[in-house]
């Protein structure tokens, strides 16, 4: 299905939804998933400071039910069957553990996951917080330089060009010391926009889209979505049926490009399906691995990245 087909069906499609569709089409076209942030509004709320200098976070159930009913509601409006399938297959008690140097600085928790096989979609939500909240303030790496205007050296032809890094928070967008909740703390940045690996293999789950942001409670939250159709050779086959040659494009080159793309996606689907089978236990639980990294930031410089990984299992059925 092409984008304009969706626009005809839903003439008032919200911007966030169309961006997600664009990203899926880009993934199919280019092969490697484009990790594009669909929503960039930062939602950091006021910090509650305790006498000991720590932060108390409000107790709230941050997960996909909250996310799809509060931040991204396009599925309820435009794909209610998909939204219902995600909710019906939600798993909240996720067996998990994290390791690596980054795990010493940040707590990463898989909040919930939904393997909705009938709609061929897998969704996942995570939250991250600094382990020592009295010393560190954690933000997503994607919140840094979100306007794309940072350059190592000033572009004389661009009056908006800058050679200092800016951070986006609810206070605004500017120098970290000006927009952090507590500029007296050490700023650390977490990168949760990584490929999701199947078990301990180097095979990734395809069709990746993500939304990473800061919640009102000061936690970094990420919601990832994966298109399981790209793990199904029959579905890949359908993608290449009845494709019309764009006007003005060389027919022979177009046919060749599509054939090469189809072969690549078919091989990917076969490898993904096999990895899923090999890493699903007798009880129907699939092992997954999500790498992440934590980067210190000081004096307009990024420090050395520390790596970690969340290992967890989700039920996909026997």
C-alpha atoms as a PDB file:
ATOM      1  CA  UNK A   1       0.000   0.000   0.000  1.00  0.00           C
ATOM      2  CA  UNK A   2       1.341   3.421  -0.910  1.00  0.00           C
ATOM      3  CA  UNK A   3       1.081   6.493   1.250  1.00  0.00           C
ATOM      4  CA  UNK A   4      -1.409   8.276  -1.015  1.00  0.00           C
ATOM      5  CA  UNK A   5      -3.780   5.313  -0.684  1.00  0.00           C
ATOM      6  CA  UNK A   6      -3.894   5.884   3.054  1.00  0.00           C
ATOM      7  CA  UNK A   7      -4.397   9.603   2.573  1.00  0.00           C
ATOM      8  CA  UNK A   8      -7.457   8.930   0.421  1.00  0.00           C
ATOM      9  CA  UNK A   9      -8.894   6.617   3.040  1.00  0.00           C
ATOM     10  CA  UNK A  10      -8.165   8.976   5.934  1.00  0.00           C
ATOM     11  CA  UNK A  11      -8.024  12.566   4.634  1.00  0.00           C
ATOM     12  CA  UNK A  12      -7.327  14.058   8.056  1.00  0.00           C
ATOM     13  CA  UNK A  13      -4.596  11.669   9.144  1.00  0.00           C
ATOM     14  CA  UNK A  14      -2.629  13.086  12.104  1.00  0.00           C
ATOM     15  CA  UNK A  15       0.968  14.110  11.444  1.00  0.00           C
ATOM     16  CA  UNK A  16       2.376  11.487  13.854  1.00  0.00           C
ATOM     17  CA  UNK A  17       0.561   8.689  12.065  1.00  0.00           C
ATOM     18  CA  UNK A  18       1.709   9.704   8.595  1.00  0.00           C
ATOM     19  CA  UNK A  19       5.288   9.953   9.839  1.00  0.00           C
ATOM     20  CA  UNK A  20       5.079   6.367  11.093  1.00  0.00           C
ATOM     21  CA  UNK A  21       3.741   5.217   7.715  1.00  0.00           C
ATOM     22  CA  UNK A  22       6.549   7.081   5.948  1.00  0.00           C
ATOM     23  CA  UNK A  23       9.088   5.361   8.154  1.00  0.00           C
ATOM     24  CA  UNK A  24       7.716   1.890   7.416  1.00  0.00           C
ATOM     25  CA  UNK A  25       7.840   2.567   3.674  1.00  0.00           C
ATOM     26  CA  UNK A  26      11.391   3.889   4.033  1.00  0.00           C
ATOM     27  CA  UNK A  27      12.377   0.680   5.837  1.00  0.00           C
ATOM     28  CA  UNK A  28      11.017  -1.453   3.003  1.00  0.00           C
ATOM     29  CA  UNK A  29      12.669   0.728   0.383  1.00  0.00           C
ATOM     30  CA  UNK A  30      16.160   1.083   1.872  1.00  0.00           C
ATOM     31  CA  UNK A  31      16.529  -2.113   3.824  1.00  0.00           C
ATOM     32  CA  UNK A  32      18.099  -0.931   7.065  1.00  0.00           C
ATOM     33  CA  UNK A  33      15.452   0.506   9.387  1.00  0.00           C
ATOM     34  CA  UNK A  34      15.485   4.278   9.669  1.00  0.00           C
ATOM     35  CA  UNK A  35      15.283   5.138  13.324  1.00  0.00           C
ATOM     36  CA  UNK A  36      13.248   8.266  13.019  1.00  0.00           C
ATOM     37  CA  UNK A  37      11.733   9.911  16.050  1.00  0.00           C
ATOM     38  CA  UNK A  38       8.072  10.512  15.355  1.00  0.00           C
ATOM     39  CA  UNK A  39       7.375  12.947  18.190  1.00  0.00           C
ATOM     40  CA  UNK A  40       9.919  15.422  19.542  1.00  0.00           C
ATOM     41  CA  UNK A  41       7.974  17.294  22.181  1.00  0.00           C
ATOM     42  CA  UNK A  42       9.745  16.914  25.504  1.00  0.00           C
ATOM     43  CA  UNK A  43       7.498  16.504  28.517  1.00  0.00           C
ATOM     44  CA  UNK A  44       9.696  16.913  31.601  1.00  0.00           C
ATOM     45  CA  UNK A  45       7.647  18.032  34.603  1.00  0.00           C
ATOM     46  CA  UNK A  46       8.600  19.790  37.823  1.00  0.00           C
ATOM     47  CA  UNK A  47      11.001  17.932  40.064  1.00  0.00           C
ATOM     48  CA  UNK A  48      10.082  17.134  43.653  1.00  0.00           C
ATOM     49  CA  UNK A  49      13.222  17.709  45.708  1.00  0.00           C
ATOM     50  CA  UNK A  50      13.614  15.859  48.992  1.00  0.00           C
ATOM     51  CA  UNK A  51      15.627  17.078  51.967  1.00  0.00           C
ATOM     52  CA  UNK A  52      18.430  14.690  51.038  1.00  0.00           C
ATOM     53  CA  UNK A  53      18.615  16.132  47.525  1.00  0.00           C
ATOM     54  CA  UNK A  54      16.984  13.209  45.718  1.00  0.00           C
ATOM     55  CA  UNK A  55      13.990  13.125  43.372  1.00  0.00           C
ATOM     56  CA  UNK A  56      10.669  11.453  44.078  1.00  0.00           C
ATOM     57  CA  UNK A  57       8.908  10.246  40.962  1.00  0.00           C
ATOM     58  CA  UNK A  58       5.127  10.033  40.950  1.00  0.00           C
ATOM     59  CA  UNK A  59       3.867   6.483  40.841  1.00  0.00           C
ATOM     60  CA  UNK A  60       2.239   5.965  37.471  1.00  0.00           C
ATOM     61  CA  UNK A  61       1.764   2.971  35.241  1.00  0.00           C
ATOM     62  CA  UNK A  62       3.964   4.002  32.327  1.00  0.00           C
ATOM     63  CA  UNK A  63       3.408   1.492  29.588  1.00  0.00           C
ATOM     64  CA  UNK A  64       1.687   1.059  26.274  1.00  0.00           C
ATOM     65  CA  UNK A  65      -1.846   1.423  27.598  1.00  0.00           C
ATOM     66  CA  UNK A  66      -0.882   4.875  28.835  1.00  0.00           C
ATOM     67  CA  UNK A  67       1.113   5.623  25.680  1.00  0.00           C
ATOM     68  CA  UNK A  68      -1.574   4.696  23.137  1.00  0.00           C
ATOM     69  CA  UNK A  69      -4.290   6.468  25.116  1.00  0.00           C
ATOM     70  CA  UNK A  70      -2.314   9.593  25.953  1.00  0.00           C
ATOM     71  CA  UNK A  71       0.516  10.333  23.549  1.00  0.00           C
ATOM     72  CA  UNK A  72      -0.197   8.451  20.314  1.00  0.00           C
ATOM     73  CA  UNK A  73      -3.893   7.882  19.670  1.00  0.00           C
ATOM     74  CA  UNK A  74      -3.914   7.515  15.881  1.00  0.00           C
ATOM     75  CA  UNK A  75      -4.358   3.736  15.990  1.00  0.00           C
ATOM     76  CA  UNK A  76      -7.616   3.978  17.935  1.00  0.00           C
ATOM     77  CA  UNK A  77      -8.950   6.358  15.319  1.00  0.00           C
ATOM     78  CA  UNK A  78      -7.538   4.869  12.117  1.00  0.00           C
ATOM     79  CA  UNK A  79      -6.567   1.261  12.913  1.00  0.00           C
ATOM     80  CA  UNK A  80      -8.822   0.225  15.816  1.00  0.00           C
ATOM     81  CA  UNK A  81      -8.353  -3.512  15.097  1.00  0.00           C
ATOM     82  CA  UNK A  82      -4.597  -3.122  15.360  1.00  0.00           C
ATOM     83  CA  UNK A  83      -4.882  -1.120  18.569  1.00  0.00           C
ATOM     84  CA  UNK A  84      -7.199  -3.740  20.062  1.00  0.00           C
ATOM     85  CA  UNK A  85      -4.837  -6.559  19.089  1.00  0.00           C
ATOM     86  CA  UNK A  86      -1.934  -4.780  20.783  1.00  0.00           C
ATOM     87  CA  UNK A  87      -3.970  -4.327  23.956  1.00  0.00           C
ATOM     88  CA  UNK A  88      -5.327  -7.884  23.918  1.00  0.00           C
ATOM     89  CA  UNK A  89      -1.840  -9.389  23.717  1.00  0.00           C
ATOM     90  CA  UNK A  90      -0.171  -7.142  26.292  1.00  0.00           C
ATOM     91  CA  UNK A  91       2.332  -8.780  28.652  1.00  0.00           C
ATOM     92  CA  UNK A  92       3.405  -6.842  31.726  1.00  0.00           C
ATOM     93  CA  UNK A  93       5.372  -9.350  33.782  1.00  0.00           C
ATOM     94  CA  UNK A  94       8.465  -9.537  31.587  1.00  0.00           C
ATOM     95  CA  UNK A  95      11.362 -11.790  32.707  1.00  0.00           C
ATOM     96  CA  UNK A  96      14.430  -9.603  32.232  1.00  0.00           C
ATOM     97  CA  UNK A  97      17.890  -8.561  33.333  1.00  0.00           C
ATOM     98  CA  UNK A  98      20.427  -5.943  32.257  1.00  0.00           C
ATOM     99  CA  UNK A  99      24.195  -6.107  32.164  1.00  0.00           C
ATOM    100  CA  UNK A 100      27.200  -4.136  30.961  1.00  0.00           C
ATOM    101  CA  UNK A 101      28.906  -0.930  32.098  1.00  0.00           C
ATOM    102  CA  UNK A 102      25.873   1.210  31.181  1.00  0.00           C
ATOM    103  CA  UNK A 103      23.713  -0.769  33.617  1.00  0.00           C
ATOM    104  CA  UNK A 104      25.814   0.682  36.440  1.00  0.00           C
ATOM    105  CA  UNK A 105      24.671   4.202  35.574  1.00  0.00           C
ATOM    106  CA  UNK A 106      21.075   3.697  34.419  1.00  0.00           C
ATOM    107  CA  UNK A 107      18.195   1.399  35.262  1.00  0.00           C
ATOM    108  CA  UNK A 108      16.476   0.189  32.102  1.00  0.00           C
ATOM    109  CA  UNK A 109      13.204  -1.685  32.481  1.00  0.00           C
ATOM    110  CA  UNK A 110      11.019  -3.337  29.865  1.00  0.00           C
ATOM    111  CA  UNK A 111       7.590  -2.163  30.995  1.00  0.00           C
ATOM    112  CA  UNK A 112       5.491  -4.338  28.717  1.00  0.00           C
ATOM    113  CA  UNK A 113       5.395  -6.059  25.343  1.00  0.00           C
ATOM    114  CA  UNK A 114       2.726  -7.218  22.918  1.00  0.00           C
ATOM    115  CA  UNK A 115       3.251  -9.939  20.304  1.00  0.00           C
ATOM    116  CA  UNK A 116       0.060  -9.520  18.259  1.00  0.00           C
ATOM    117  CA  UNK A 117       0.554 -12.262  15.719  1.00  0.00           C
ATOM    118  CA  UNK A 118      -2.878 -11.849  14.163  1.00  0.00           C
ATOM    119  CA  UNK A 119      -1.938  -8.303  13.111  1.00  0.00           C
ATOM    120  CA  UNK A 120       1.721  -9.183  12.602  1.00  0.00           C
ATOM    121  CA  UNK A 121       3.009  -6.475  14.898  1.00  0.00           C
ATOM    122  CA  UNK A 122       5.253  -6.545  17.957  1.00  0.00           C
ATOM    123  CA  UNK A 123       5.361  -3.572  20.311  1.00  0.00           C
ATOM    124  CA  UNK A 124       7.590  -2.896  23.273  1.00  0.00           C
ATOM    125  CA  UNK A 125       7.931  -0.135  25.865  1.00  0.00           C
ATOM    126  CA  UNK A 126      10.878   0.653  28.128  1.00  0.00           C
ATOM    127  CA  UNK A 127      11.749   3.245  30.737  1.00  0.00           C
ATOM    128  CA  UNK A 128      15.150   4.409  31.931  1.00  0.00           C
ATOM    129  CA  UNK A 129      16.273   6.370  34.968  1.00  0.00           C
ATOM    130  CA  UNK A 130      19.613   7.290  36.512  1.00  0.00           C
ATOM    131  CA  UNK A 131      20.708   4.916  39.268  1.00  0.00           C
ATOM    132  CA  UNK A 132      22.082   7.772  41.382  1.00  0.00           C
ATOM    133  CA  UNK A 133      19.429  10.469  40.999  1.00  0.00           C
ATOM    134  CA  UNK A 134      21.216  12.660  43.483  1.00  0.00           C
ATOM    135  CA  UNK A 135      24.253  12.889  41.214  1.00  0.00           C
ATOM    136  CA  UNK A 136      23.011  12.353  37.651  1.00  0.00           C
ATOM    137  CA  UNK A 137      20.261  13.749  35.442  1.00  0.00           C
ATOM    138  CA  UNK A 138      19.315  11.421  32.585  1.00  0.00           C
ATOM    139  CA  UNK A 139      17.974  12.438  29.192  1.00  0.00           C
ATOM    140  CA  UNK A 140      17.609  10.678  25.871  1.00  0.00           C
ATOM    141  CA  UNK A 141      20.417  11.152  23.375  1.00  0.00           C
ATOM    142  CA  UNK A 142      17.698  12.027  20.849  1.00  0.00           C
ATOM    143  CA  UNK A 143      16.875  15.150  22.872  1.00  0.00           C
ATOM    144  CA  UNK A 144      20.273  16.620  22.057  1.00  0.00           C
ATOM    145  CA  UNK A 145      20.527  18.832  18.942  1.00  0.00           C
ATOM    146  CA  UNK A 146      17.071  17.846  17.750  1.00  0.00           C
ATOM    147  CA  UNK A 147      16.902  20.802  15.349  1.00  0.00           C
ATOM    148  CA  UNK A 148      19.872  19.560  13.320  1.00  0.00           C
ATOM    149  CA  UNK A 149      21.655  22.942  13.423  1.00  0.00           C
ATOM    150  CA  UNK A 150      24.741  21.863  15.359  1.00  0.00           C
ATOM    151  CA  UNK A 151      27.981  21.855  13.362  1.00  0.00           C
ATOM    152  CA  UNK A 152      31.567  21.300  14.388  1.00  0.00           C
ATOM    153  CA  UNK A 153      32.331  24.724  12.926  1.00  0.00           C
ATOM    154  CA  UNK A 154      30.005  27.641  12.290  1.00  0.00           C
ATOM    155  CA  UNK A 155      28.504  27.840   8.802  1.00  0.00           C
ATOM    156  CA  UNK A 156      28.961  31.471   7.774  1.00  0.00           C
ATOM    157  CA  UNK A 157      26.112  31.141   5.309  1.00  0.00           C
ATOM    158  CA  UNK A 158      23.637  29.983   7.962  1.00  0.00           C
ATOM    159  CA  UNK A 159      22.785  32.509  10.696  1.00  0.00           C
ATOM    160  CA  UNK A 160      21.250  29.714  12.811  1.00  0.00           C
ATOM    161  CA  UNK A 161      24.351  27.524  12.684  1.00  0.00           C
ATOM    162  CA  UNK A 162      25.985  26.874  16.064  1.00  0.00           C
ATOM    163  CA  UNK A 163      28.942  24.909  17.402  1.00  0.00           C
ATOM    164  CA  UNK A 164      27.526  24.282  20.862  1.00  0.00           C
ATOM    165  CA  UNK A 165      25.169  21.419  21.700  1.00  0.00           C
ATOM    166  CA  UNK A 166      21.609  22.211  22.747  1.00  0.00           C
ATOM    167  CA  UNK A 167      19.270  20.036  24.804  1.00  0.00           C
ATOM    168  CA  UNK A 168      15.470  19.954  24.531  1.00  0.00           C
ATOM    169  CA  UNK A 169      13.382  19.788  27.718  1.00  0.00           C
ATOM    170  CA  UNK A 170      10.088  21.226  28.952  1.00  0.00           C
ATOM    171  CA  UNK A 171      12.059  24.311  29.982  1.00  0.00           C
ATOM    172  CA  UNK A 172      12.885  24.923  26.350  1.00  0.00           C
ATOM    173  CA  UNK A 173      15.654  24.194  23.893  1.00  0.00           C
ATOM    174  CA  UNK A 174      19.094  25.527  24.669  1.00  0.00           C
ATOM    175  CA  UNK A 175      22.341  24.985  26.510  1.00  0.00           C
ATOM    176  CA  UNK A 176      22.020  22.013  28.884  1.00  0.00           C
ATOM    177  CA  UNK A 177      22.794  24.176  31.926  1.00  0.00           C
ATOM    178  CA  UNK A 178      19.871  26.418  31.015  1.00  0.00           C
ATOM    179  CA  UNK A 179      17.239  23.726  30.444  1.00  0.00           C
ATOM    180  CA  UNK A 180      18.158  20.880  32.802  1.00  0.00           C
ATOM    181  CA  UNK A 181      15.929  20.330  35.811  1.00  0.00           C
ATOM    182  CA  UNK A 182      19.027  20.622  38.006  1.00  0.00           C
ATOM    183  CA  UNK A 183      22.111  21.974  36.198  1.00  0.00           C
ATOM    184  CA  UNK A 184      24.184  21.147  39.253  1.00  0.00           C
ATOM    185  CA  UNK A 185      23.967  17.451  38.376  1.00  0.00           C
ATOM    186  CA  UNK A 186      26.028  15.512  35.863  1.00  0.00           C
ATOM    187  CA  UNK A 187      24.170  15.164  32.566  1.00  0.00           C
ATOM    188  CA  UNK A 188      24.138  11.664  31.121  1.00  0.00           C
ATOM    189  CA  UNK A 189      22.432  10.669  27.869  1.00  0.00           C
ATOM    190  CA  UNK A 190      20.953   7.285  27.062  1.00  0.00           C
ATOM    191  CA  UNK A 191      20.588   5.851  23.579  1.00  0.00           C
ATOM    192  CA  UNK A 192      17.651   3.433  23.440  1.00  0.00           C
ATOM    193  CA  UNK A 193      17.318   3.611  19.654  1.00  0.00           C
ATOM    194  CA  UNK A 194      19.108   0.370  18.903  1.00  0.00           C
ATOM    195  CA  UNK A 195      18.287  -2.699  16.847  1.00  0.00           C
ATOM    196  CA  UNK A 196      16.524  -5.492  18.732  1.00  0.00           C
ATOM    197  CA  UNK A 197      18.392  -8.791  18.409  1.00  0.00           C
ATOM    198  CA  UNK A 198      16.869 -12.245  18.547  1.00  0.00           C
ATOM    199  CA  UNK A 199      18.505 -14.191  21.357  1.00  0.00           C
ATOM    200  CA  UNK A 200      22.294 -14.008  21.211  1.00  0.00           C
ATOM    201  CA  UNK A 201      22.323 -14.031  17.405  1.00  0.00           C
ATOM    202  CA  UNK A 202      23.193 -11.110  15.140  1.00  0.00           C
ATOM    203  CA  UNK A 203      19.737 -11.311  13.523  1.00  0.00           C
ATOM    204  CA  UNK A 204      17.532  -8.316  14.243  1.00  0.00           C
ATOM    205  CA  UNK A 205      13.769  -8.080  14.342  1.00  0.00           C
ATOM    206  CA  UNK A 206      12.858  -6.042  11.218  1.00  0.00           C
ATOM    207  CA  UNK A 207      10.446  -3.197  10.564  1.00  0.00           C
ATOM    208  CA  UNK A 208      11.586  -0.951  13.394  1.00  0.00           C
ATOM    209  CA  UNK A 209       9.904   2.336  14.372  1.00  0.00           C
ATOM    210  CA  UNK A 210      10.384   4.216  17.619  1.00  0.00           C
ATOM    211  CA  UNK A 211       9.282   7.120  19.783  1.00  0.00           C
ATOM    212  CA  UNK A 212      11.645   8.220  22.582  1.00  0.00           C
ATOM    213  CA  UNK A 213      10.765  11.037  24.978  1.00  0.00           C
ATOM    214  CA  UNK A 214      10.896  12.230  28.588  1.00  0.00           C
ATOM    215  CA  UNK A 215       7.796  11.691  30.695  1.00  0.00           C
ATOM    216  CA  UNK A 216       6.264  14.046  33.221  1.00  0.00           C
ATOM    217  CA  UNK A 217       7.896  11.906  35.903  1.00  0.00           C
ATOM    218  CA  UNK A 218      11.391  12.586  34.568  1.00  0.00           C
ATOM    219  CA  UNK A 219      11.855   9.088  33.167  1.00  0.00           C
ATOM    220  CA  UNK A 220      13.097   8.499  29.636  1.00  0.00           C
ATOM    221  CA  UNK A 221      10.560   6.307  27.836  1.00  0.00           C
ATOM    222  CA  UNK A 222      10.829   4.471  24.544  1.00  0.00           C
ATOM    223  CA  UNK A 223       8.103   2.697  22.594  1.00  0.00           C
ATOM    224  CA  UNK A 224       9.317   0.457  19.760  1.00  0.00           C
ATOM    225  CA  UNK A 225       7.211  -1.174  17.065  1.00  0.00           C
ATOM    226  CA  UNK A 226       8.242  -3.985  14.706  1.00  0.00           C
ATOM    227  CA  UNK A 227       6.542  -5.097  11.502  1.00  0.00           C
ATOM    228  CA  UNK A 228       6.347  -8.897  11.674  1.00  0.00           C
ATOM    229  CA  UNK A 229       5.225  -9.061   8.043  1.00  0.00           C
ATOM    230  CA  UNK A 230       8.899  -8.579   7.191  1.00  0.00           C
ATOM    231  CA  UNK A 231       9.564 -11.915   8.919  1.00  0.00           C
ATOM    232  CA  UNK A 232       7.054 -13.697   6.661  1.00  0.00           C
ATOM    233  CA  UNK A 233       8.101 -14.611   3.102  1.00  0.00           C
ATOM    234  CA  UNK A 234       4.469 -14.807   1.944  1.00  0.00           C
ATOM    235  CA  UNK A 235       3.881 -11.228   3.120  1.00  0.00           C
ATOM    236  CA  UNK A 236       7.074 -10.037   1.457  1.00  0.00           C
ATOM    237  CA  UNK A 237       5.886 -11.673  -1.760  1.00  0.00           C
ATOM    238  CA  UNK A 238       2.657  -9.642  -1.577  1.00  0.00           C
ATOM    239  CA  UNK A 239       4.584  -6.378  -1.325  1.00  0.00           C
ATOM    240  CA  UNK A 240       5.932  -6.831  -4.837  1.00  0.00           C
ATOM    241  CA  UNK A 241       2.712  -7.786  -6.603  1.00  0.00           C
ATOM    242  CA  UNK A 242       1.177  -5.463  -9.169  1.00  0.00           C
ATOM    243  CA  UNK A 243       3.719  -2.684  -8.678  1.00  0.00           C
ATOM    244  CA  UNK A 244       3.254   0.030 -11.279  1.00  0.00           C
ATOM    245  CA  UNK A 245       6.302   1.541 -12.924  1.00  0.00           C
ATOM    246  CA  UNK A 246       6.526   5.253 -12.002  1.00  0.00           C
ATOM    247  CA  UNK A 247       6.129   7.607 -14.922  1.00  0.00           C
ATOM    248  CA  UNK A 248       9.435   8.585 -16.459  1.00  0.00           C
ATOM    249  CA  UNK A 249      11.430   5.756 -14.873  1.00  0.00           C
ATOM    250  CA  UNK A 250      13.406   3.294 -16.950  1.00  0.00           C
ATOM    251  CA  UNK A 251      11.395   0.066 -16.987  1.00  0.00           C
ATOM    252  CA  UNK A 252      14.354  -2.322 -17.104  1.00  0.00           C
ATOM    253  CA  UNK A 253      16.122  -0.568 -14.224  1.00  0.00           C
ATOM    254  CA  UNK A 254      12.923  -0.444 -12.173  1.00  0.00           C
ATOM    255  CA  UNK A 255      12.308  -4.177 -12.630  1.00  0.00           C
ATOM    256  CA  UNK A 256      15.923  -4.969 -11.735  1.00  0.00           C
ATOM    257  CA  UNK A 257      15.857  -2.795  -8.599  1.00  0.00           C
ATOM    258  CA  UNK A 258      12.612  -4.376  -7.402  1.00  0.00           C
ATOM    259  CA  UNK A 259      13.882  -7.886  -8.019  1.00  0.00           C
ATOM    260  CA  UNK A 260      17.045  -7.222  -6.023  1.00  0.00           C
ATOM    261  CA  UNK A 261      15.056  -5.654  -3.212  1.00  0.00           C
ATOM    262  CA  UNK A 262      12.633  -8.563  -3.153  1.00  0.00           C
ATOM    263  CA  UNK A 263      15.466 -11.099  -2.981  1.00  0.00           C
ATOM    264  CA  UNK A 264      17.081  -9.221  -0.118  1.00  0.00           C
ATOM    265  CA  UNK A 265      13.843  -8.997   1.865  1.00  0.00           C
ATOM    266  CA  UNK A 266      13.036 -12.654   1.230  1.00  0.00           C
ATOM    267  CA  UNK A 267      16.428 -13.688   2.612  1.00  0.00           C
ATOM    268  CA  UNK A 268      15.902 -11.412   5.604  1.00  0.00           C
ATOM    269  CA  UNK A 269      12.467 -12.906   6.277  1.00  0.00           C
ATOM    270  CA  UNK A 270      13.801 -16.463   6.111  1.00  0.00           C
ATOM    271  CA  UNK A 271      16.688 -15.658   8.471  1.00  0.00           C
ATOM    272  CA  UNK A 272      14.383 -13.879  10.924  1.00  0.00           C
ATOM    273  CA  UNK A 273      11.853 -16.708  10.968  1.00  0.00           C
ATOM    274  CA  UNK A 274      14.590 -19.263  11.617  1.00  0.00           C
ATOM    275  CA  UNK A 275      16.127 -17.184  14.411  1.00  0.00           C
ATOM    276  CA  UNK A 276      12.734 -16.821  16.070  1.00  0.00           C
ATOM    277  CA  UNK A 277      12.186 -20.586  15.941  1.00  0.00           C
ATOM    278  CA  UNK A 278      15.678 -21.304  17.292  1.00  0.00           C
ATOM    279  CA  UNK A 279      15.315 -18.879  20.201  1.00  0.00           C
ATOM    280  CA  UNK A 280      11.799 -19.772  21.346  1.00  0.00           C
ATOM    281  CA  UNK A 281      11.689 -22.256  24.201  1.00  0.00           C
ATOM    282  CA  UNK A 282       9.249 -25.113  24.722  1.00  0.00           C
ATOM    283  CA  UNK A 283       6.907 -22.867  26.692  1.00  0.00           C
ATOM    284  CA  UNK A 284       6.585 -20.391  23.838  1.00  0.00           C
ATOM    285  CA  UNK A 285       8.896 -17.649  25.150  1.00  0.00           C
ATOM    286  CA  UNK A 286      11.175 -15.843  22.705  1.00  0.00           C
ATOM    287  CA  UNK A 287      14.514 -14.493  23.984  1.00  0.00           C
ATOM    288  CA  UNK A 288      15.416 -10.972  22.857  1.00  0.00           C
ATOM    289  CA  UNK A 289      18.332  -8.602  23.440  1.00  0.00           C
ATOM    290  CA  UNK A 290      18.221  -4.811  23.249  1.00  0.00           C
ATOM    291  CA  UNK A 291      21.595  -3.036  23.461  1.00  0.00           C
ATOM    292  CA  UNK A 292      21.749   0.512  24.808  1.00  0.00           C
ATOM    293  CA  UNK A 293      24.465   2.978  25.728  1.00  0.00           C
ATOM    294  CA  UNK A 294      24.960   5.782  28.242  1.00  0.00           C
ATOM    295  CA  UNK A 295      27.126   8.791  27.367  1.00  0.00           C
ATOM    296  CA  UNK A 296      28.353  11.411  29.868  1.00  0.00           C
ATOM    297  CA  UNK A 297      28.172  15.027  28.682  1.00  0.00           C
ATOM    298  CA  UNK A 298      30.415  17.797  30.040  1.00  0.00           C
ATOM    299  CA  UNK A 299      31.588  21.188  28.789  1.00  0.00           C
ATOM    300  CA  UNK A 300      30.049  20.779  25.333  1.00  0.00           C
ATOM    301  CA  UNK A 301      31.738  17.399  24.887  1.00  0.00           C
ATOM    302  CA  UNK A 302      30.385  13.859  24.745  1.00  0.00           C
ATOM    303  CA  UNK A 303      32.305  11.420  26.913  1.00  0.00           C
ATOM    304  CA  UNK A 304      33.056   7.804  26.178  1.00  0.00           C
ATOM    305  CA  UNK A 305      29.944   5.732  25.621  1.00  0.00           C
ATOM    306  CA  UNK A 306      29.302   2.877  28.036  1.00  0.00           C
ATOM    307  CA  UNK A 307      27.408  -0.082  26.627  1.00  0.00           C
ATOM    308  CA  UNK A 308      24.749  -2.253  28.190  1.00  0.00           C
ATOM    309  CA  UNK A 309      21.995  -4.611  27.115  1.00  0.00           C
ATOM    310  CA  UNK A 310      18.542  -5.613  28.320  1.00  0.00           C
ATOM    311  CA  UNK A 311      17.903  -9.345  27.982  1.00  0.00           C
ATOM    312  CA  UNK A 312      14.250 -10.372  28.216  1.00  0.00           C
ATOM    313  CA  UNK A 313      11.671 -12.919  27.099  1.00  0.00           C
ATOM    314  CA  UNK A 314       8.226 -12.464  25.605  1.00  0.00           C
ATOM    315  CA  UNK A 315       5.501 -15.014  25.031  1.00  0.00           C
ATOM    316  CA  UNK A 316       4.732 -15.595  21.352  1.00  0.00           C
ATOM    317  CA  UNK A 317       2.846 -18.879  21.658  1.00  0.00           C
ATOM    318  CA  UNK A 318       3.862 -22.492  21.186  1.00  0.00           C
END
